[in-house]
Amino acid sequence: MALKKRIEDFEKAVKRLKDAYEQTLKHKEDEYYTFFRDSTIQRFEFTVEIMWKTLKSFLYEYAGIDCKSPKGCIRDFFSAGYLTEEESTNLLEMIDDRNMTSHTYHEEVAEKIFKDLHIYLPIIEKVKDRIKEKAIK
């Protein structure tokens, strides 16, 4: 898949994740909260997937780096100077949370993932913007 198309898909996924997150916050105190929360977690899972695949394509095209895994791509993106150490650490933790999404039937896991989205969303946006700055001119 061409990098431009991956970036477009990544942008759409980020927008949908933000929308889902905001809708969930509106339902924090009602009976629909778990439905919205779980939907947001599913969007988070999709967004992380397209993010790391976009990183993979970007790093290959612009740095000649052929990363093989989500964490490897994040480490390489950091090594290439696109992330701070703190951002990199947060993104690596985000991958761990993404890997836990199959366990959202545990309320504690679902709540932890949703609670951490306020940290992850701005970093995901930064990754998207940094890729766009370099790739789309």
N, C-alpha and C. Protein backbone atom coordinates (compact mmCIF):
# COMPACT_ATOMS: atom_id res chain seq x y z
N MET A 1 0.86 -1.18 0.00
CA MET A 1 0.00 0.00 0.00
C MET A 1 0.91 1.24 0.00
N ALA A 2 0.58 2.20 -0.83
CA ALA A 2 1.38 3.41 -0.93
C ALA A 2 1.30 4.20 0.37
N LEU A 3 2.40 4.86 0.67
CA LEU A 3 2.48 5.64 1.91
C LEU A 3 1.37 6.69 1.98
N LYS A 4 1.10 7.36 0.90
CA LYS A 4 0.06 8.40 0.92
C LYS A 4 -1.28 7.82 1.36
N LYS A 5 -1.64 6.65 0.85
CA LYS A 5 -2.90 6.01 1.23
C LYS A 5 -2.88 5.60 2.69
N ARG A 6 -1.76 5.10 3.17
CA ARG A 6 -1.64 4.73 4.59
C ARG A 6 -1.85 5.96 5.48
N ILE A 7 -1.25 7.07 5.08
CA ILE A 7 -1.39 8.31 5.86
C ILE A 7 -2.85 8.74 5.88
N GLU A 8 -3.52 8.68 4.75
CA GLU A 8 -4.95 9.04 4.70
C GLU A 8 -5.77 8.14 5.63
N ASP A 9 -5.50 6.84 5.58
CA ASP A 9 -6.21 5.89 6.45
C ASP A 9 -5.91 6.17 7.92
N PHE A 10 -4.67 6.50 8.21
CA PHE A 10 -4.25 6.83 9.58
C PHE A 10 -4.99 8.08 10.06
N GLU A 11 -5.07 9.09 9.22
CA GLU A 11 -5.78 10.31 9.59
C GLU A 11 -7.25 10.03 9.90
N LYS A 12 -7.90 9.23 9.07
CA LYS A 12 -9.30 8.88 9.29
C LYS A 12 -9.46 8.11 10.61
N ALA A 13 -8.55 7.19 10.87
CA ALA A 13 -8.63 6.39 12.10
C ALA A 13 -8.46 7.27 13.32
N VAL A 14 -7.54 8.23 13.27
CA VAL A 14 -7.33 9.14 14.39
C VAL A 14 -8.58 9.98 14.64
N LYS A 15 -9.17 10.49 13.57
CA LYS A 15 -10.39 11.29 13.72
C LYS A 15 -11.51 10.46 14.36
N ARG A 16 -11.69 9.25 13.88
CA ARG A 16 -12.75 8.40 14.42
C ARG A 16 -12.48 8.03 15.88
N LEU A 17 -11.23 7.80 16.22
CA LEU A 17 -10.89 7.50 17.61
C LEU A 17 -11.19 8.70 18.50
N LYS A 18 -10.81 9.89 18.07
CA LYS A 18 -11.10 11.10 18.85
C LYS A 18 -12.59 11.30 19.02
N ASP A 19 -13.34 11.11 17.94
CA ASP A 19 -14.80 11.25 18.02
C ASP A 19 -15.39 10.24 19.00
N ALA A 20 -14.96 9.00 18.92
CA ALA A 20 -15.47 7.96 19.82
C ALA A 20 -15.12 8.27 21.27
N TYR A 21 -13.91 8.75 21.49
CA TYR A 21 -13.46 9.09 22.84
C TYR A 21 -14.33 10.21 23.42
N GLU A 22 -14.56 11.25 22.61
CA GLU A 22 -15.38 12.38 23.07
C GLU A 22 -16.82 11.94 23.36
N GLN A 23 -17.37 11.07 22.53
CA GLN A 23 -18.73 10.57 22.76
C GLN A 23 -18.79 9.76 24.05
N THR A 24 -17.75 8.97 24.30
CA THR A 24 -17.73 8.16 25.51
C THR A 24 -17.70 9.05 26.75
N LEU A 25 -16.93 10.11 26.69
CA LEU A 25 -16.87 11.03 27.83
C LEU A 25 -18.25 11.63 28.13
N LYS A 26 -19.04 11.85 27.10
CA LYS A 26 -20.39 12.40 27.29
C LYS A 26 -21.31 11.41 28.00
N HIS A 27 -20.97 10.14 27.93
CA HIS A 27 -21.82 9.09 28.51
C HIS A 27 -21.20 8.49 29.78
N LYS A 28 -20.25 9.19 30.35
CA LYS A 28 -19.51 8.67 31.52
C LYS A 28 -20.43 8.27 32.67
N GLU A 29 -21.55 8.94 32.81
CA GLU A 29 -22.43 8.70 33.96
C GLU A 29 -23.73 7.99 33.62
N ASP A 30 -23.85 7.44 32.40
CA ASP A 30 -25.12 6.79 32.09
C ASP A 30 -24.93 5.32 31.72
N GLU A 31 -26.04 4.66 31.43
CA GLU A 31 -26.02 3.22 31.19
C GLU A 31 -25.36 2.83 29.87
N TYR A 32 -25.09 3.79 28.99
CA TYR A 32 -24.45 3.51 27.70
C TYR A 32 -22.93 3.59 27.76
N TYR A 33 -22.41 3.97 28.90
CA TYR A 33 -20.96 4.17 29.03
C TYR A 33 -20.15 2.96 28.56
N THR A 34 -20.46 1.77 29.04
CA THR A 34 -19.63 0.61 28.68
C THR A 34 -19.70 0.32 27.18
N PHE A 35 -20.85 0.53 26.57
CA PHE A 35 -20.96 0.36 25.13
C PHE A 35 -20.02 1.33 24.40
N PHE A 36 -20.09 2.60 24.76
CA PHE A 36 -19.23 3.60 24.12
C PHE A 36 -17.76 3.36 24.44
N ARG A 37 -17.46 3.01 25.69
CA ARG A 37 -16.07 2.75 26.08
C ARG A 37 -15.50 1.60 25.26
N ASP A 38 -16.25 0.51 25.17
CA ASP A 38 -15.76 -0.65 24.44
C ASP A 38 -15.61 -0.35 22.95
N SER A 39 -16.51 0.45 22.41
CA SER A 39 -16.40 0.87 21.01
C SER A 39 -15.14 1.72 20.80
N THR A 40 -14.86 2.58 21.75
CA THR A 40 -13.67 3.42 21.67
C THR A 40 -12.40 2.58 21.74
N ILE A 41 -12.41 1.58 22.59
CA ILE A 41 -11.25 0.68 22.69
C ILE A 41 -11.04 -0.05 21.36
N GLN A 42 -12.11 -0.44 20.70
CA GLN A 42 -11.98 -1.08 19.39
C GLN A 42 -11.37 -0.10 18.38
N ARG A 43 -11.81 1.14 18.40
CA ARG A 43 -11.22 2.17 17.52
C ARG A 43 -9.74 2.37 17.85
N PHE A 44 -9.42 2.34 19.13
CA PHE A 44 -8.02 2.46 19.56
C PHE A 44 -7.19 1.33 18.94
N GLU A 45 -7.72 0.13 18.99
CA GLU A 45 -7.02 -1.02 18.43
C GLU A 45 -6.75 -0.82 16.93
N PHE A 46 -7.78 -0.40 16.18
CA PHE A 46 -7.61 -0.15 14.75
C PHE A 46 -6.58 0.95 14.49
N THR A 47 -6.65 2.01 15.29
CA THR A 47 -5.77 3.16 15.08
C THR A 47 -4.32 2.80 15.34
N VAL A 48 -4.06 2.04 16.39
CA VAL A 48 -2.69 1.62 16.67
C VAL A 48 -2.17 0.74 15.54
N GLU A 49 -3.02 -0.10 15.02
CA GLU A 49 -2.62 -0.99 13.92
C GLU A 49 -2.20 -0.18 12.69
N ILE A 50 -3.04 0.77 12.27
CA ILE A 50 -2.68 1.57 11.10
C ILE A 50 -1.52 2.49 11.41
N MET A 51 -1.38 2.94 12.65
CA MET A 51 -0.25 3.81 12.99
C MET A 51 1.06 3.09 12.78
N TRP A 52 1.20 1.88 13.32
CA TRP A 52 2.50 1.22 13.21
C TRP A 52 2.79 0.81 11.77
N LYS A 53 1.75 0.47 11.01
CA LYS A 53 1.97 0.13 9.61
C LYS A 53 2.36 1.36 8.79
N THR A 54 1.82 2.51 9.17
CA THR A 54 2.21 3.77 8.52
C THR A 54 3.65 4.10 8.88
N LEU A 55 4.01 3.92 10.15
CA LEU A 55 5.40 4.11 10.57
C LEU A 55 6.33 3.22 9.76
N LYS A 56 5.96 1.98 9.60
CA LYS A 56 6.76 1.01 8.85
C LYS A 56 7.01 1.51 7.42
N SER A 57 5.94 1.92 6.75
CA SER A 57 6.07 2.42 5.37
C SER A 57 6.89 3.69 5.32
N PHE A 58 6.63 4.61 6.26
CA PHE A 58 7.35 5.88 6.30
C PHE A 58 8.84 5.65 6.52
N LEU A 59 9.18 4.84 7.50
CA LEU A 59 10.60 4.60 7.82
C LEU A 59 11.32 3.93 6.65
N TYR A 60 10.64 3.05 5.96
CA TYR A 60 11.27 2.39 4.82
C TYR A 60 11.52 3.38 3.69
N GLU A 61 10.50 4.21 3.42
CA GLU A 61 10.61 5.14 2.30
C GLU A 61 11.58 6.30 2.58
N TYR A 62 11.58 6.82 3.81
CA TYR A 62 12.36 8.03 4.10
C TYR A 62 13.68 7.78 4.82
N ALA A 63 13.86 6.60 5.39
CA ALA A 63 15.11 6.34 6.11
C ALA A 63 15.75 5.01 5.72
N GLY A 64 15.09 4.28 4.85
CA GLY A 64 15.63 2.99 4.44
C GLY A 64 15.63 1.95 5.56
N ILE A 65 14.79 2.17 6.56
CA ILE A 65 14.71 1.27 7.71
C ILE A 65 13.55 0.31 7.50
N ASP A 66 13.81 -0.97 7.63
CA ASP A 66 12.78 -1.99 7.45
C ASP A 66 12.44 -2.60 8.81
N CYS A 67 11.56 -1.91 9.55
CA CYS A 67 11.18 -2.42 10.87
C CYS A 67 10.16 -3.54 10.70
N LYS A 68 10.13 -4.42 11.69
CA LYS A 68 9.32 -5.64 11.56
C LYS A 68 8.17 -5.74 12.55
N SER A 69 8.14 -4.91 13.56
CA SER A 69 7.12 -5.04 14.60
C SER A 69 6.68 -3.65 15.07
N PRO A 70 5.54 -3.56 15.74
CA PRO A 70 5.10 -2.25 16.24
C PRO A 70 6.13 -1.58 17.15
N LYS A 71 6.64 -2.32 18.12
CA LYS A 71 7.63 -1.73 19.02
C LYS A 71 8.93 -1.39 18.30
N GLY A 72 9.32 -2.25 17.37
CA GLY A 72 10.52 -1.98 16.59
C GLY A 72 10.38 -0.70 15.77
N CYS A 73 9.21 -0.49 15.18
CA CYS A 73 8.98 0.72 14.39
C CYS A 73 9.01 1.97 15.28
N ILE A 74 8.45 1.86 16.47
CA ILE A 74 8.47 3.00 17.39
C ILE A 74 9.91 3.32 17.80
N ARG A 75 10.67 2.29 18.12
CA ARG A 75 12.07 2.51 18.49
C ARG A 75 12.86 3.14 17.34
N ASP A 76 12.61 2.66 16.12
CA ASP A 76 13.30 3.22 14.96
C ASP A 76 12.87 4.66 14.68
N PHE A 77 11.60 4.96 14.86
CA PHE A 77 11.09 6.33 14.69
C PHE A 77 11.76 7.26 15.71
N PHE A 78 11.93 6.77 16.93
CA PHE A 78 12.65 7.52 17.96
C PHE A 78 14.11 7.71 17.56
N SER A 79 14.76 6.64 17.14
CA SER A 79 16.18 6.70 16.75
C SER A 79 16.40 7.65 15.58
N ALA A 80 15.40 7.77 14.71
CA ALA A 80 15.51 8.67 13.56
C ALA A 80 15.26 10.13 13.95
N GLY A 81 14.93 10.37 15.23
CA GLY A 81 14.79 11.74 15.73
C GLY A 81 13.39 12.31 15.68
N TYR A 82 12.39 11.49 15.46
CA TYR A 82 11.02 11.99 15.35
C TYR A 82 10.24 11.99 16.66
N LEU A 83 10.78 11.36 17.69
CA LEU A 83 10.10 11.29 18.98
C LEU A 83 11.05 11.66 20.10
N THR A 84 10.49 12.21 21.17
CA THR A 84 11.27 12.38 22.39
C THR A 84 11.32 11.04 23.11
N GLU A 85 12.16 10.95 24.09
CA GLU A 85 12.24 9.71 24.86
C GLU A 85 10.92 9.42 25.58
N GLU A 86 10.32 10.47 26.15
CA GLU A 86 9.04 10.31 26.84
C GLU A 86 7.94 9.85 25.89
N GLU A 87 7.88 10.46 24.70
CA GLU A 87 6.88 10.05 23.71
C GLU A 87 7.08 8.59 23.31
N SER A 88 8.33 8.23 23.11
CA SER A 88 8.64 6.85 22.74
C SER A 88 8.21 5.87 23.83
N THR A 89 8.51 6.20 25.06
CA THR A 89 8.12 5.35 26.20
C THR A 89 6.60 5.21 26.26
N ASN A 90 5.90 6.33 26.11
CA ASN A 90 4.42 6.29 26.13
C ASN A 90 3.86 5.45 24.98
N LEU A 91 4.46 5.56 23.82
CA LEU A 91 3.98 4.77 22.68
C LEU A 91 4.24 3.28 22.90
N LEU A 92 5.38 2.95 23.50
CA LEU A 92 5.65 1.54 23.79
C LEU A 92 4.65 0.99 24.80
N GLU A 93 4.29 1.81 25.78
CA GLU A 93 3.26 1.41 26.75
C GLU A 93 1.90 1.27 26.04
N MET A 94 1.66 2.14 25.07
CA MET A 94 0.43 2.08 24.31
C MET A 94 0.32 0.76 23.55
N ILE A 95 1.43 0.29 23.00
CA ILE A 95 1.43 -1.00 22.30
C ILE A 95 1.07 -2.11 23.27
N ASP A 96 1.60 -2.04 24.49
CA ASP A 96 1.23 -3.03 25.50
C ASP A 96 -0.27 -3.00 25.77
N ASP A 97 -0.83 -1.79 25.87
CA ASP A 97 -2.28 -1.67 26.08
C ASP A 97 -3.06 -2.20 24.88
N ARG A 98 -2.58 -1.90 23.71
CA ARG A 98 -3.24 -2.41 22.50
C ARG A 98 -3.26 -3.94 22.54
N ASN A 99 -2.18 -4.54 22.99
CA ASN A 99 -2.11 -5.99 23.06
C ASN A 99 -3.06 -6.56 24.11
N MET A 100 -3.48 -5.73 25.04
CA MET A 100 -4.41 -6.15 26.08
C MET A 100 -5.88 -6.00 25.66
N THR A 101 -6.13 -5.43 24.48
CA THR A 101 -7.52 -5.16 24.10
C THR A 101 -8.35 -6.43 23.98
N SER A 102 -7.71 -7.56 23.77
CA SER A 102 -8.48 -8.81 23.70
C SER A 102 -8.98 -9.24 25.08
N HIS A 103 -8.55 -8.54 26.12
CA HIS A 103 -8.97 -8.87 27.48
C HIS A 103 -9.92 -7.83 28.07
N THR A 104 -10.60 -7.08 27.22
CA THR A 104 -11.46 -6.02 27.73
C THR A 104 -12.71 -6.55 28.41
N TYR A 105 -12.91 -7.86 28.40
CA TYR A 105 -14.00 -8.42 29.18
C TYR A 105 -13.72 -8.29 30.67
N HIS A 106 -12.46 -8.01 31.02
CA HIS A 106 -12.11 -7.67 32.40
C HIS A 106 -12.31 -6.16 32.55
N GLU A 107 -13.21 -5.77 33.41
CA GLU A 107 -13.52 -4.34 33.58
C GLU A 107 -12.28 -3.51 33.90
N GLU A 108 -11.38 -4.06 34.73
CA GLU A 108 -10.19 -3.29 35.11
C GLU A 108 -9.31 -3.00 33.89
N VAL A 109 -9.18 -3.97 33.00
CA VAL A 109 -8.37 -3.78 31.79
C VAL A 109 -9.02 -2.73 30.89
N ALA A 110 -10.31 -2.85 30.67
CA ALA A 110 -11.02 -1.89 29.82
C ALA A 110 -10.91 -0.48 30.39
N GLU A 111 -11.09 -0.34 31.69
CA GLU A 111 -11.00 0.99 32.31
C GLU A 111 -9.59 1.56 32.22
N LYS A 112 -8.58 0.72 32.42
CA LYS A 112 -7.19 1.19 32.34
C LYS A 112 -6.89 1.70 30.92
N ILE A 113 -7.28 0.91 29.92
CA ILE A 113 -7.02 1.33 28.53
C ILE A 113 -7.75 2.63 28.23
N PHE A 114 -9.02 2.71 28.59
CA PHE A 114 -9.77 3.94 28.31
C PHE A 114 -9.18 5.13 29.07
N LYS A 115 -8.81 4.92 30.31
CA LYS A 115 -8.25 6.00 31.13
C LYS A 115 -6.95 6.54 30.50
N ASP A 116 -6.16 5.68 29.91
CA ASP A 116 -4.88 6.09 29.34
C ASP A 116 -5.01 6.76 27.97
N LEU A 117 -6.18 6.72 27.38
CA LEU A 117 -6.35 7.34 26.06
C LEU A 117 -6.06 8.84 26.07
N HIS A 118 -6.28 9.49 27.19
CA HIS A 118 -5.99 10.94 27.22
C HIS A 118 -4.49 11.20 27.09
N ILE A 119 -3.67 10.21 27.40
CA ILE A 119 -2.21 10.31 27.21
C ILE A 119 -1.86 9.94 25.76
N TYR A 120 -2.48 8.87 25.27
CA TYR A 120 -2.12 8.34 23.96
C TYR A 120 -2.60 9.19 22.79
N LEU A 121 -3.78 9.76 22.88
CA LEU A 121 -4.33 10.52 21.75
C LEU A 121 -3.41 11.65 21.27
N PRO A 122 -2.91 12.50 22.17
CA PRO A 122 -2.03 13.57 21.69
C PRO A 122 -0.73 13.05 21.04
N ILE A 123 -0.23 11.94 21.54
CA ILE A 123 1.00 11.38 20.97
C ILE A 123 0.73 10.77 19.61
N ILE A 124 -0.39 10.08 19.48
CA ILE A 124 -0.78 9.53 18.17
C ILE A 124 -0.91 10.68 17.17
N GLU A 125 -1.51 11.79 17.60
CA GLU A 125 -1.65 12.96 16.72
C GLU A 125 -0.28 13.51 16.31
N LYS A 126 0.66 13.55 17.26
CA LYS A 126 2.01 14.03 16.94
C LYS A 126 2.68 13.13 15.92
N VAL A 127 2.54 11.82 16.08
CA VAL A 127 3.12 10.89 15.10
C VAL A 127 2.54 11.17 13.73
N LYS A 128 1.23 11.29 13.66
CA LYS A 128 0.55 11.57 12.39
C LYS A 128 1.08 12.86 11.77
N ASP A 129 1.16 13.92 12.57
CA ASP A 129 1.61 15.21 12.07
C ASP A 129 3.06 15.18 11.62
N ARG A 130 3.91 14.49 12.34
CA ARG A 130 5.33 14.41 11.97
C ARG A 130 5.53 13.65 10.68
N ILE A 131 4.76 12.60 10.50
CA ILE A 131 4.83 11.84 9.24
C ILE A 131 4.34 12.71 8.09
N LYS A 132 3.21 13.40 8.29
CA LYS A 132 2.66 14.25 7.24
C LYS A 132 3.61 15.38 6.86
N GLU A 133 4.24 16.00 7.87
CA GLU A 133 5.18 17.10 7.60
C GLU A 133 6.26 16.66 6.63
N LYS A 134 6.78 15.49 6.85
CA LYS A 134 7.90 15.00 6.04
C LYS A 134 7.44 14.40 4.70
N ALA A 135 6.33 13.67 4.73
CA ALA A 135 5.94 12.89 3.56
C ALA A 135 5.09 13.66 2.55
N ILE A 136 4.28 14.58 3.03
CA ILE A 136 3.36 15.28 2.13
C ILE A 136 3.81 16.73 2.00
N LYS A 137 4.39 17.02 0.89
CA LYS A 137 4.89 18.37 0.63
C LYS A 137 4.33 18.90 -0.66
